[in-house]
Amino acid sequence: MGRVVWFLLFAVTVIGMFVIKNRVIGLEKELNGIKAQIQTDQKAIHVLKAEWAYLSNPDRLRALGRRHAGMKQIEGNRIITISALPFKEPEQKPSVVRVSYSPERSGATP
C-alpha cells in the first residue's frame, strides 16, 4: 500500500513538473515577443523624433512661410508686452429689469 501511494505521488509530481515546464516555456515565448515589439516601437519612436526634429526646424519653417504664405520675419521693435495693448472699456448696459405679469383670472388654476 505504501509503495502505491509513493508511486502516485511521484507520478503526480512528474506530471505537475511537466505542465509547469510547458507553461514557463509558453510565457518565455510571450516575453520574447513583447521584447521584440518594444524594440520595434523604440525604433519607430526614434524615427518619429528625427522626423519631428526635421519638420519643426525653424529655418525650414521660415522658408516655407516665405515661400507659401508670403510671411516675413518679425522685427524686434514690433514685439510688445501685453500691458502695452490698448483695451477698450466694456460697455455699460443699462440695468433695467423687465417684469411681466398677467392679472389673476377668476376660477383658473395655475
PDB file of N, CA and C in Angstrom:
ATOM      1  N   MET A   1       0.817  -1.191   0.000  1.00  0.00           N
ATOM      2  CA  MET A   1       0.000   0.000   0.000  1.00  0.00           C
ATOM      3  C   MET A   1       0.866   1.262   0.000  1.00  0.00           C
ATOM      4  N   GLY A   2       1.931   1.293   0.786  1.00  0.00           N
ATOM      5  CA  GLY A   2       2.814   2.445   0.868  1.00  0.00           C
ATOM      6  C   GLY A   2       3.509   2.716  -0.452  1.00  0.00           C
ATOM      7  N   ARG A   3       3.852   1.604  -1.186  1.00  0.00           N
ATOM      8  CA  ARG A   3       4.530   1.786  -2.469  1.00  0.00           C
ATOM      9  C   ARG A   3       3.598   2.437  -3.489  1.00  0.00           C
ATOM     10  N   VAL A   4       2.334   2.090  -3.470  1.00  0.00           N
ATOM     11  CA  VAL A   4       1.362   2.645  -4.415  1.00  0.00           C
ATOM     12  C   VAL A   4       1.197   4.152  -4.165  1.00  0.00           C
ATOM     13  N   VAL A   5       1.136   4.544  -2.904  1.00  0.00           N
ATOM     14  CA  VAL A   5       0.983   5.959  -2.564  1.00  0.00           C
ATOM     15  C   VAL A   5       2.208   6.737  -3.035  1.00  0.00           C
ATOM     16  N   TRP A   6       3.391   6.184  -2.768  1.00  0.00           N
ATOM     17  CA  TRP A   6       4.614   6.860  -3.205  1.00  0.00           C
ATOM     18  C   TRP A   6       4.695   6.944  -4.725  1.00  0.00           C
ATOM     19  N   PHE A   7       4.286   5.874  -5.411  1.00  0.00           N
ATOM     20  CA  PHE A   7       4.287   5.871  -6.877  1.00  0.00           C
ATOM     21  C   PHE A   7       3.314   6.922  -7.411  1.00  0.00           C
ATOM     22  N   LEU A   8       2.111   7.001  -6.843  1.00  0.00           N
ATOM     23  CA  LEU A   8       1.133   8.002  -7.283  1.00  0.00           C
ATOM     24  C   LEU A   8       1.635   9.416  -7.005  1.00  0.00           C
ATOM     25  N   LEU A   9       2.247   9.613  -5.841  1.00  0.00           N
ATOM     26  CA  LEU A   9       2.804  10.921  -5.508  1.00  0.00           C
ATOM     27  C   LEU A   9       3.903  11.306  -6.495  1.00  0.00           C
ATOM     28  N   PHE A  10       4.763  10.340  -6.832  1.00  0.00           N
ATOM     29  CA  PHE A  10       5.824  10.574  -7.813  1.00  0.00           C
ATOM     30  C   PHE A  10       5.229  10.904  -9.183  1.00  0.00           C
ATOM     31  N   ALA A  11       4.215  10.151  -9.616  1.00  0.00           N
ATOM     32  CA  ALA A  11       3.586  10.378 -10.915  1.00  0.00           C
ATOM     33  C   ALA A  11       2.938  11.765 -10.981  1.00  0.00           C
ATOM     34  N   VAL A  12       2.235  12.149  -9.915  1.00  0.00           N
ATOM     35  CA  VAL A  12       1.601  13.473  -9.885  1.00  0.00           C
ATOM     36  C   VAL A  12       2.653  14.564  -9.925  1.00  0.00           C
ATOM     37  N   THR A  13       3.761  14.375  -9.219  1.00  0.00           N
ATOM     38  CA  THR A  13       4.844  15.354  -9.218  1.00  0.00           C
ATOM     39  C   THR A  13       5.452  15.492 -10.600  1.00  0.00           C
ATOM     40  N   VAL A  14       5.692  14.363 -11.275  1.00  0.00           N
ATOM     41  CA  VAL A  14       6.283  14.392 -12.620  1.00  0.00           C
ATOM     42  C   VAL A  14       5.342  15.105 -13.585  1.00  0.00           C
ATOM     43  N   ILE A  15       4.065  14.770 -13.533  1.00  0.00           N
ATOM     44  CA  ILE A  15       3.096  15.407 -14.429  1.00  0.00           C
ATOM     45  C   ILE A  15       2.992  16.905 -14.121  1.00  0.00           C
ATOM     46  N   GLY A  16       2.980  17.250 -12.856  1.00  0.00           N
ATOM     47  CA  GLY A  16       2.924  18.667 -12.465  1.00  0.00           C
ATOM     48  C   GLY A  16       4.136  19.432 -12.962  1.00  0.00           C
ATOM     49  N   MET A  17       5.316  18.839 -12.817  1.00  0.00           N
ATOM     50  CA  MET A  17       6.539  19.494 -13.294  1.00  0.00           C
ATOM     51  C   MET A  17       6.498  19.673 -14.809  1.00  0.00           C
ATOM     52  N   PHE A  18       5.971  18.677 -15.530  1.00  0.00           N
ATOM     53  CA  PHE A  18       5.867  18.752 -16.985  1.00  0.00           C
ATOM     54  C   PHE A  18       4.933  19.905 -17.398  1.00  0.00           C
ATOM     55  N   VAL A  19       3.795  20.008 -16.706  1.00  0.00           N
ATOM     56  CA  VAL A  19       2.839  21.074 -17.012  1.00  0.00           C
ATOM     57  C   VAL A  19       3.446  22.437 -16.710  1.00  0.00           C
ATOM     58  N   ILE A  20       4.119  22.558 -15.584  1.00  0.00           N
ATOM     59  CA  ILE A  20       4.744  23.827 -15.206  1.00  0.00           C
ATOM     60  C   ILE A  20       5.835  24.205 -16.202  1.00  0.00           C
ATOM     61  N   LYS A  21       6.621  23.216 -16.644  1.00  0.00           N
ATOM     62  CA  LYS A  21       7.694  23.466 -17.608  1.00  0.00           C
ATOM     63  C   LYS A  21       7.109  24.005 -18.908  1.00  0.00           C
ATOM     64  N   ASN A  22       6.037  23.396 -19.405  1.00  0.00           N
ATOM     65  CA  ASN A  22       5.430  23.849 -20.652  1.00  0.00           C
ATOM     66  C   ASN A  22       4.833  25.251 -20.500  1.00  0.00           C
ATOM     67  N   ARG A  23       4.260  25.533 -19.347  1.00  0.00           N
ATOM     68  CA  ARG A  23       3.702  26.874 -19.099  1.00  0.00           C
ATOM     69  C   ARG A  23       4.812  27.917 -19.083  1.00  0.00           C
ATOM     70  N   VAL A  24       5.957  27.592 -18.455  1.00  0.00           N
ATOM     71  CA  VAL A  24       7.094  28.516 -18.407  1.00  0.00           C
ATOM     72  C   VAL A  24       7.632  28.760 -19.817  1.00  0.00           C
ATOM     73  N   ILE A  25       7.711  27.718 -20.621  1.00  0.00           N
ATOM     74  CA  ILE A  25       8.188  27.871 -22.000  1.00  0.00           C
ATOM     75  C   ILE A  25       7.247  28.798 -22.778  1.00  0.00           C
ATOM     76  N   GLY A  26       5.952  28.613 -22.599  1.00  0.00           N
ATOM     77  CA  GLY A  26       4.983  29.488 -23.261  1.00  0.00           C
ATOM     78  C   GLY A  26       5.114  30.937 -22.825  1.00  0.00           C
ATOM     79  N   LEU A  27       5.305  31.151 -21.521  1.00  0.00           N
ATOM     80  CA  LEU A  27       5.467  32.513 -21.008  1.00  0.00           C
ATOM     81  C   LEU A  27       6.765  33.147 -21.499  1.00  0.00           C
ATOM     82  N   GLU A  28       7.831  32.331 -21.639  1.00  0.00           N
ATOM     83  CA  GLU A  28       9.095  32.860 -22.165  1.00  0.00           C
ATOM     84  C   GLU A  28       8.932  33.283 -23.625  1.00  0.00           C
ATOM     85  N   LYS A  29       8.187  32.509 -24.401  1.00  0.00           N
ATOM     86  CA  LYS A  29       7.933  32.892 -25.797  1.00  0.00           C
ATOM     87  C   LYS A  29       7.143  34.192 -25.852  1.00  0.00           C
ATOM     88  N   GLU A  30       6.149  34.320 -24.980  1.00  0.00           N
ATOM     89  CA  GLU A  30       5.350  35.545 -24.942  1.00  0.00           C
ATOM     90  C   GLU A  30       6.218  36.736 -24.547  1.00  0.00           C
ATOM     91  N   LEU A  31       7.106  36.537 -23.562  1.00  0.00           N
ATOM     92  CA  LEU A  31       8.010  37.601 -23.128  1.00  0.00           C
ATOM     93  C   LEU A  31       8.940  38.020 -24.259  1.00  0.00           C
ATOM     94  N   ASN A  32       9.476  37.068 -24.995  1.00  0.00           N
ATOM     95  CA  ASN A  32      10.357  37.387 -26.116  1.00  0.00           C
ATOM     96  C   ASN A  32       9.606  38.167 -27.197  1.00  0.00           C
ATOM     97  N   GLY A  33       8.356  37.800 -27.434  1.00  0.00           N
ATOM     98  CA  GLY A  33       7.549  38.543 -28.405  1.00  0.00           C
ATOM     99  C   GLY A  33       7.314  39.982 -27.952  1.00  0.00           C
ATOM    100  N   ILE A  34       7.047  40.162 -26.665  1.00  0.00           N
ATOM    101  CA  ILE A  34       6.836  41.505 -26.121  1.00  0.00           C
ATOM    102  C   ILE A  34       8.122  42.324 -26.212  1.00  0.00           C
ATOM    103  N   LYS A  35       9.258  41.696 -25.904  1.00  0.00           N
ATOM    104  CA  LYS A  35      10.540  42.402 -26.010  1.00  0.00           C
ATOM    105  C   LYS A  35      10.811  42.835 -27.454  1.00  0.00           C
ATOM    106  N   ALA A  36      10.501  41.962 -28.411  1.00  0.00           N
ATOM    107  CA  ALA A  36      10.697  42.307 -29.825  1.00  0.00           C
ATOM    108  C   ALA A  36       9.785  43.471 -30.215  1.00  0.00           C
ATOM    109  N   GLN A  37       8.551  43.464 -29.732  1.00  0.00           N
ATOM    110  CA  GLN A  37       7.626  44.555 -30.033  1.00  0.00           C
ATOM    111  C   GLN A  37       8.104  45.868 -29.416  1.00  0.00           C
ATOM    112  N   ILE A  38       8.667  45.803 -28.216  1.00  0.00           N
ATOM    113  CA  ILE A  38       9.208  47.002 -27.565  1.00  0.00           C
ATOM    114  C   ILE A  38      10.353  47.573 -28.392  1.00  0.00           C
ATOM    115  N   GLN A  39      11.246  46.710 -28.871  1.00  0.00           N
ATOM    116  CA  GLN A  39      12.365  47.179 -29.688  1.00  0.00           C
ATOM    117  C   GLN A  39      11.862  47.809 -30.981  1.00  0.00           C
ATOM    118  N   THR A  40      10.855  47.209 -31.605  1.00  0.00           N
ATOM    119  CA  THR A  40      10.283  47.763 -32.827  1.00  0.00           C
ATOM    120  C   THR A  40       9.669  49.137 -32.551  1.00  0.00           C
ATOM    121  N   ASP A  41       8.948  49.242 -31.439  1.00  0.00           N
ATOM    122  CA  ASP A  41       8.325  50.523 -31.082  1.00  0.00           C
ATOM    123  C   ASP A  41       9.375  51.578 -30.770  1.00  0.00           C
ATOM    124  N   GLN A  42      10.465  51.184 -30.099  1.00  0.00           N
ATOM    125  CA  GLN A  42      11.526  52.143 -29.788  1.00  0.00           C
ATOM    126  C   GLN A  42      12.194  52.651 -31.067  1.00  0.00           C
ATOM    127  N   LYS A  43      12.387  51.776 -32.040  1.00  0.00           N
ATOM    128  CA  LYS A  43      12.950  52.211 -33.326  1.00  0.00           C
ATOM    129  C   LYS A  43      12.003  53.173 -34.030  1.00  0.00           C
ATOM    130  N   ALA A  44      10.711  52.870 -33.988  1.00  0.00           N
ATOM    131  CA  ALA A  44       9.723  53.751 -34.618  1.00  0.00           C
ATOM    132  C   ALA A  44       9.705  55.109 -33.924  1.00  0.00           C
ATOM    133  N   ILE A  45       9.790  55.125 -32.609  1.00  0.00           N
ATOM    134  CA  ILE A  45       9.823  56.385 -31.857  1.00  0.00           C
ATOM    135  C   ILE A  45      11.066  57.184 -32.231  1.00  0.00           C
ATOM    136  N   HIS A  46      12.188  56.497 -32.374  1.00  0.00           N
ATOM    137  CA  HIS A  46      13.437  57.176 -32.752  1.00  0.00           C
ATOM    138  C   HIS A  46      13.283  57.827 -34.128  1.00  0.00           C
ATOM    139  N   VAL A  47      12.695  57.109 -35.067  1.00  0.00           N
ATOM    140  CA  VAL A  47      12.487  57.651 -36.412  1.00  0.00           C
ATOM    141  C   VAL A  47      11.527  58.845 -36.357  1.00  0.00           C
ATOM    142  N   LEU A  48      10.451  58.725 -35.576  1.00  0.00           N
ATOM    143  CA  LEU A  48       9.486  59.817 -35.469  1.00  0.00           C
ATOM    144  C   LEU A  48      10.105  61.058 -34.825  1.00  0.00           C
ATOM    145  N   LYS A  49      10.968  60.861 -33.827  1.00  0.00           N
ATOM    146  CA  LYS A  49      11.647  62.008 -33.208  1.00  0.00           C
ATOM    147  C   LYS A  49      12.557  62.702 -34.213  1.00  0.00           C
ATOM    148  N   ALA A  50      13.275  61.919 -35.013  1.00  0.00           N
ATOM    149  CA  ALA A  50      14.150  62.508 -36.025  1.00  0.00           C
ATOM    150  C   ALA A  50      13.320  63.260 -37.069  1.00  0.00           C
ATOM    151  N   GLU A  51      12.199  62.684 -37.460  1.00  0.00           N
ATOM    152  CA  GLU A  51      11.331  63.338 -38.439  1.00  0.00           C
ATOM    153  C   GLU A  51      10.745  64.634 -37.861  1.00  0.00           C
ATOM    154  N   TRP A  52      10.340  64.602 -36.592  1.00  0.00           N
ATOM    155  CA  TRP A  52       9.800  65.805 -35.949  1.00  0.00           C
ATOM    156  C   TRP A  52      10.871  66.892 -35.854  1.00  0.00           C
ATOM    157  N   ALA A  53      12.096  66.505 -35.549  1.00  0.00           N
ATOM    158  CA  ALA A  53      13.181  67.487 -35.474  1.00  0.00           C
ATOM    159  C   ALA A  53      13.392  68.153 -36.828  1.00  0.00           C
ATOM    160  N   TYR A  54      13.287  67.384 -37.896  1.00  0.00           N
ATOM    161  CA  TYR A  54      13.439  67.947 -39.237  1.00  0.00           C
ATOM    162  C   TYR A  54      12.258  68.864 -39.570  1.00  0.00           C
ATOM    163  N   LEU A  55      11.029  68.385 -39.307  1.00  0.00           N
ATOM    164  CA  LEU A  55       9.842  69.144 -39.687  1.00  0.00           C
ATOM    165  C   LEU A  55       9.672  70.433 -38.878  1.00  0.00           C
ATOM    166  N   SER A  56      10.153  70.452 -37.648  1.00  0.00           N
ATOM    167  CA  SER A  56       9.981  71.639 -36.807  1.00  0.00           C
ATOM    168  C   SER A  56      11.223  72.532 -36.792  1.00  0.00           C
ATOM    169  N   ASN A  57      12.134  72.322 -37.698  1.00  0.00           N
ATOM    170  CA  ASN A  57      13.334  73.141 -37.789  1.00  0.00           C
ATOM    171  C   ASN A  57      12.927  74.580 -38.121  1.00  0.00           C
ATOM    172  N   PRO A  58      13.326  75.562 -37.302  1.00  0.00           N
ATOM    173  CA  PRO A  58      12.904  76.943 -37.533  1.00  0.00           C
ATOM    174  C   PRO A  58      13.309  77.493 -38.903  1.00  0.00           C
ATOM    175  N   ASP A  59      14.491  77.153 -39.378  1.00  0.00           N
ATOM    176  CA  ASP A  59      14.918  77.636 -40.697  1.00  0.00           C
ATOM    177  C   ASP A  59      14.016  77.088 -41.798  1.00  0.00           C
ATOM    178  N   ARG A  60      13.667  75.827 -41.703  1.00  0.00           N
ATOM    179  CA  ARG A  60      12.783  75.205 -42.689  1.00  0.00           C
ATOM    180  C   ARG A  60      11.397  75.844 -42.634  1.00  0.00           C
ATOM    181  N   LEU A  61      10.875  76.056 -41.428  1.00  0.00           N
ATOM    182  CA  LEU A  61       9.551  76.666 -41.280  1.00  0.00           C
ATOM    183  C   LEU A  61       9.543  78.109 -41.791  1.00  0.00           C
ATOM    184  N   ARG A  62      10.620  78.839 -41.551  1.00  0.00           N
ATOM    185  CA  ARG A  62      10.730  80.214 -42.033  1.00  0.00           C
ATOM    186  C   ARG A  62      10.708  80.236 -43.561  1.00  0.00           C
ATOM    187  N   ALA A  63      11.467  79.322 -44.181  1.00  0.00           N
ATOM    188  CA  ALA A  63      11.498  79.260 -45.648  1.00  0.00           C
ATOM    189  C   ALA A  63      10.123  78.883 -46.208  1.00  0.00           C
ATOM    190  N   LEU A  64       9.444  77.938 -45.568  1.00  0.00           N
ATOM    191  CA  LEU A  64       8.104  77.556 -46.021  1.00  0.00           C
ATOM    192  C   LEU A  64       7.124  78.713 -45.867  1.00  0.00           C
ATOM    193  N   GLY A  65       7.232  79.451 -44.772  1.00  0.00           N
ATOM    194  CA  GLY A  65       6.356  80.597 -44.556  1.00  0.00           C
ATOM    195  C   GLY A  65       6.567  81.668 -45.611  1.00  0.00           C
ATOM    196  N   ARG A  66       7.805  81.929 -45.960  1.00  0.00           N
ATOM    197  CA  ARG A  66       8.097  82.920 -47.001  1.00  0.00           C
ATOM    198  C   ARG A  66       7.589  82.455 -48.357  1.00  0.00           C
ATOM    199  N   ARG A  67       7.837  81.191 -48.678  1.00  0.00           N
ATOM    200  CA  ARG A  67       7.502  80.672 -49.995  1.00  0.00           C
ATOM    201  C   ARG A  67       5.996  80.538 -50.204  1.00  0.00           C
ATOM    202  N   HIS A  68       5.276  79.987 -49.230  1.00  0.00           N
ATOM    203  CA  HIS A  68       3.868  79.657 -49.444  1.00  0.00           C
ATOM    204  C   HIS A  68       2.890  80.688 -48.895  1.00  0.00           C
ATOM    205  N   ALA A  69       3.266  81.432 -47.875  1.00  0.00           N
ATOM    206  CA  ALA A  69       2.325  82.361 -47.259  1.00  0.00           C
ATOM    207  C   ALA A  69       2.780  83.810 -47.356  1.00  0.00           C
ATOM    208  N   GLY A  70       3.922  84.044 -47.942  1.00  0.00           N
ATOM    209  CA  GLY A  70       4.411  85.412 -48.062  1.00  0.00           C
ATOM    210  C   GLY A  70       4.725  86.042 -46.713  1.00  0.00           C
ATOM    211  N   MET A  71       5.083  85.238 -45.728  1.00  0.00           N
ATOM    212  CA  MET A  71       5.359  85.754 -44.386  1.00  0.00           C
ATOM    213  C   MET A  71       6.769  86.339 -44.326  1.00  0.00           C
ATOM    214  N   LYS A  72       6.901  87.352 -43.499  1.00  0.00           N
ATOM    215  CA  LYS A  72       8.209  87.963 -43.286  1.00  0.00           C
ATOM    216  C   LYS A  72       8.593  87.793 -41.826  1.00  0.00           C
ATOM    217  N   GLN A  73       9.878  87.920 -41.567  1.00  0.00           N
ATOM    218  CA  GLN A  73      10.351  87.796 -40.199  1.00  0.00           C
ATOM    219  C   GLN A  73       9.922  89.017 -39.389  1.00  0.00           C
ATOM    220  N   ILE A  74       9.519  88.793 -38.134  1.00  0.00           N
ATOM    221  CA  ILE A  74       9.074  89.879 -37.264  1.00  0.00           C
ATOM    222  C   ILE A  74      10.294  90.671 -36.796  1.00  0.00           C
ATOM    223  N   GLU A  75      10.156  91.984 -36.876  1.00  0.00           N
ATOM    224  CA  GLU A  75      11.229  92.845 -36.400  1.00  0.00           C
ATOM    225  C   GLU A  75      11.145  92.944 -34.882  1.00  0.00           C
ATOM    226  N   GLY A  76      12.253  93.115 -34.257  1.00  0.00           N
ATOM    227  CA  GLY A  76      12.312  93.143 -32.803  1.00  0.00           C
ATOM    228  C   GLY A  76      11.555  94.300 -32.173  1.00  0.00           C
ATOM    229  N   ASN A  77      11.486  95.439 -32.869  1.00  0.00           N
ATOM    230  CA  ASN A  77      10.807  96.599 -32.286  1.00  0.00           C
ATOM    231  C   ASN A  77       9.283  96.470 -32.368  1.00  0.00           C
ATOM    232  N   ARG A  78       8.764  95.475 -33.045  1.00  0.00           N
ATOM    233  CA  ARG A  78       7.312  95.284 -33.147  1.00  0.00           C
ATOM    234  C   ARG A  78       6.769  94.390 -32.044  1.00  0.00           C
ATOM    235  N   ILE A  79       7.633  93.831 -31.233  1.00  0.00           N
ATOM    236  CA  ILE A  79       7.205  92.954 -30.143  1.00  0.00           C
ATOM    237  C   ILE A  79       6.966  93.808 -28.911  1.00  0.00           C
ATOM    238  N   ILE A  80       5.757  93.712 -28.347  1.00  0.00           N
ATOM    239  CA  ILE A  80       5.417  94.494 -27.164  1.00  0.00           C
ATOM    240  C   ILE A  80       4.863  93.558 -26.097  1.00  0.00           C
ATOM    241  N   THR A  81       4.724  94.089 -24.894  1.00  0.00           N
ATOM    242  CA  THR A  81       4.164  93.292 -23.802  1.00  0.00           C
ATOM    243  C   THR A  81       2.649  93.426 -23.811  1.00  0.00           C
ATOM    244  N   ILE A  82       1.974  92.567 -23.110  1.00  0.00           N
ATOM    245  CA  ILE A  82       0.517  92.589 -23.057  1.00  0.00           C
ATOM    246  C   ILE A  82      -0.002  93.850 -22.380  1.00  0.00           C
ATOM    247  N   SER A  83       0.773  94.403 -21.444  1.00  0.00           N
ATOM    248  CA  SER A  83       0.330  95.614 -20.744  1.00  0.00           C
ATOM    249  C   SER A  83       0.344  96.836 -21.671  1.00  0.00           C
ATOM    250  N   ALA A  84       1.054  96.778 -22.790  1.00  0.00           N
ATOM    251  CA  ALA A  84       1.114  97.901 -23.713  1.00  0.00           C
ATOM    252  C   ALA A  84      -0.066  97.908 -24.686  1.00  0.00           C
ATOM    253  N   LEU A  85      -0.879  96.882 -24.681  1.00  0.00           N
ATOM    254  CA  LEU A  85      -2.022  96.828 -25.587  1.00  0.00           C
ATOM    255  C   LEU A  85      -3.152  97.713 -25.072  1.00  0.00           C
ATOM    256  N   PRO A  86      -3.767  98.493 -25.962  1.00  0.00           N
ATOM    257  CA  PRO A  86      -4.885  99.333 -25.527  1.00  0.00           C
ATOM    258  C   PRO A  86      -6.166  98.499 -25.477  1.00  0.00           C
ATOM    259  N   PHE A  87      -6.771  98.424 -24.307  1.00  0.00           N
ATOM    260  CA  PHE A  87      -8.015  97.684 -24.153  1.00  0.00           C
ATOM    261  C   PHE A  87      -9.178  98.656 -24.074  1.00  0.00           C
ATOM    262  N   LYS A  88     -10.286  98.300 -24.701  1.00  0.00           N
ATOM    263  CA  LYS A  88     -11.488  99.113 -24.603  1.00  0.00           C
ATOM    264  C   LYS A  88     -12.185  98.788 -23.294  1.00  0.00           C
ATOM    265  N   GLU A  89     -12.783  99.811 -22.724  1.00  0.00           N
ATOM    266  CA  GLU A  89     -13.590  99.590 -21.529  1.00  0.00           C
ATOM    267  C   GLU A  89     -14.872  98.899 -21.959  1.00  0.00           C
ATOM    268  N   PRO A  90     -15.346  97.948 -21.188  1.00  0.00           N
ATOM    269  CA  PRO A  90     -16.589  97.290 -21.577  1.00  0.00           C
ATOM    270  C   PRO A  90     -17.758  98.266 -21.512  1.00  0.00           C
ATOM    271  N   GLU A  91     -18.666  98.106 -22.459  1.00  0.00           N
ATOM    272  CA  GLU A  91     -19.829  98.990 -22.498  1.00  0.00           C
ATOM    273  C   GLU A  91     -20.706  98.730 -21.292  1.00  0.00           C
ATOM    274  N   GLN A  92     -21.200  99.821 -20.722  1.00  0.00           N
ATOM    275  CA  GLN A  92     -22.107  99.711 -19.586  1.00  0.00           C
ATOM    276  C   GLN A  92     -23.522  99.609 -20.123  1.00  0.00           C
ATOM    277  N   LYS A  93     -24.156  98.497 -19.890  1.00  0.00           N
ATOM    278  CA  LYS A  93     -25.530  98.317 -20.316  1.00  0.00           C
ATOM    279  C   LYS A  93     -26.437  98.818 -19.199  1.00  0.00           C
ATOM    280  N   PRO A  94     -27.536  99.463 -19.555  1.00  0.00           N
ATOM    281  CA  PRO A  94     -28.437  99.935 -18.505  1.00  0.00           C
ATOM    282  C   PRO A  94     -28.977  98.761 -17.709  1.00  0.00           C
ATOM    283  N   SER A  95     -29.053  98.949 -16.419  1.00  0.00           N
ATOM    284  CA  SER A  95     -29.514  97.860 -15.563  1.00  0.00           C
ATOM    285  C   SER A  95     -31.021  97.972 -15.363  1.00  0.00           C
ATOM    286  N   VAL A  96     -31.745  97.579 -16.387  1.00  0.00           N
ATOM    287  CA  VAL A  96     -33.202  97.609 -16.355  1.00  0.00           C
ATOM    288  C   VAL A  96     -33.685  96.175 -16.188  1.00  0.00           C
ATOM    289  N   VAL A  97     -34.584  96.001 -15.271  1.00  0.00           N
ATOM    290  CA  VAL A  97     -35.162  94.682 -15.057  1.00  0.00           C
ATOM    291  C   VAL A  97     -36.584  94.713 -15.601  1.00  0.00           C
ATOM    292  N   ARG A  98     -36.876  93.845 -16.509  1.00  0.00           N
ATOM    293  CA  ARG A  98     -38.218  93.776 -17.082  1.00  0.00           C
ATOM    294  C   ARG A  98     -38.997  92.693 -16.362  1.00  0.00           C
ATOM    295  N   VAL A  99     -40.170  93.054 -15.917  1.00  0.00           N
ATOM    296  CA  VAL A  99     -41.031  92.109 -15.229  1.00  0.00           C
ATOM    297  C   VAL A  99     -42.352  92.083 -15.968  1.00  0.00           C
ATOM    298  N   SER A 100     -42.808  90.926 -16.292  1.00  0.00           N
ATOM    299  CA  SER A 100     -44.122  90.830 -16.940  1.00  0.00           C
ATOM    300  C   SER A 100     -44.999  89.947 -16.075  1.00  0.00           C
ATOM    301  N   TYR A 101     -46.219  90.348 -15.973  1.00  0.00           N
ATOM    302  CA  TYR A 101     -47.155  89.565 -15.182  1.00  0.00           C
ATOM    303  C   TYR A 101     -48.526  89.674 -15.831  1.00  0.00           C
ATOM    304  N   SER A 102     -49.374  88.753 -15.485  1.00  0.00           N
ATOM    305  CA  SER A 102     -50.731  88.803 -16.011  1.00  0.00           C
ATOM    306  C   SER A 102     -51.684  88.919 -14.831  1.00  0.00           C
ATOM    307  N   PRO A 103     -52.790  89.608 -15.027  1.00  0.00           N
ATOM    308  CA  PRO A 103     -53.736  89.736 -13.922  1.00  0.00           C
ATOM    309  C   PRO A 103     -54.317  88.384 -13.551  1.00  0.00           C
ATOM    310  N   GLU A 104     -54.652  88.244 -12.323  1.00  0.00           N
ATOM    311  CA  GLU A 104     -55.182  86.982 -11.806  1.00  0.00           C
ATOM    312  C   GLU A 104     -56.542  86.712 -12.435  1.00  0.00           C
ATOM    313  N   ARG A 105     -56.738  85.506 -12.945  1.00  0.00           N
ATOM    314  CA  ARG A 105     -58.003  85.139 -13.553  1.00  0.00           C
ATOM    315  C   ARG A 105     -58.902  84.508 -12.520  1.00  0.00           C
ATOM    316  N   SER A 106     -60.158  84.752 -12.628  1.00  0.00           N
ATOM    317  CA  SER A 106     -61.065  84.169 -11.659  1.00  0.00           C
ATOM    318  C   SER A 106     -61.408  82.746 -12.051  1.00  0.00           C
ATOM    319  N   GLY A 107     -61.281  81.839 -11.115  1.00  0.00           N
ATOM    320  CA  GLY A 107     -61.643  80.439 -11.338  1.00  0.00           C
ATOM    321  C   GLY A 107     -60.592  79.631 -12.069  1.00  0.00           C
ATOM    322  N   ALA A 108     -59.528  80.231 -12.498  1.00  0.00           N
ATOM    323  CA  ALA A 108     -58.496  79.480 -13.222  1.00  0.00           C
ATOM    324  C   ALA A 108     -57.456  78.960 -12.233  1.00  0.00           C
ATOM    325  N   THR A 109     -56.989  77.778 -12.483  1.00  0.00           N
ATOM    326  CA  THR A 109     -55.943  77.207 -11.636  1.00  0.00           C
ATOM    327  C   THR A 109     -54.645  77.243 -12.392  1.00  0.00           C
ATOM    328  N   PRO A 110     -53.585  77.485 -11.699  1.00  0.00           N
ATOM    329  CA  PRO A 110     -52.297  77.576 -12.399  1.00  0.00           C
ATOM    330  C   PRO A 110     -51.819  76.268 -12.961  1.00  0.00           C
TER     331      PRO A 110
END
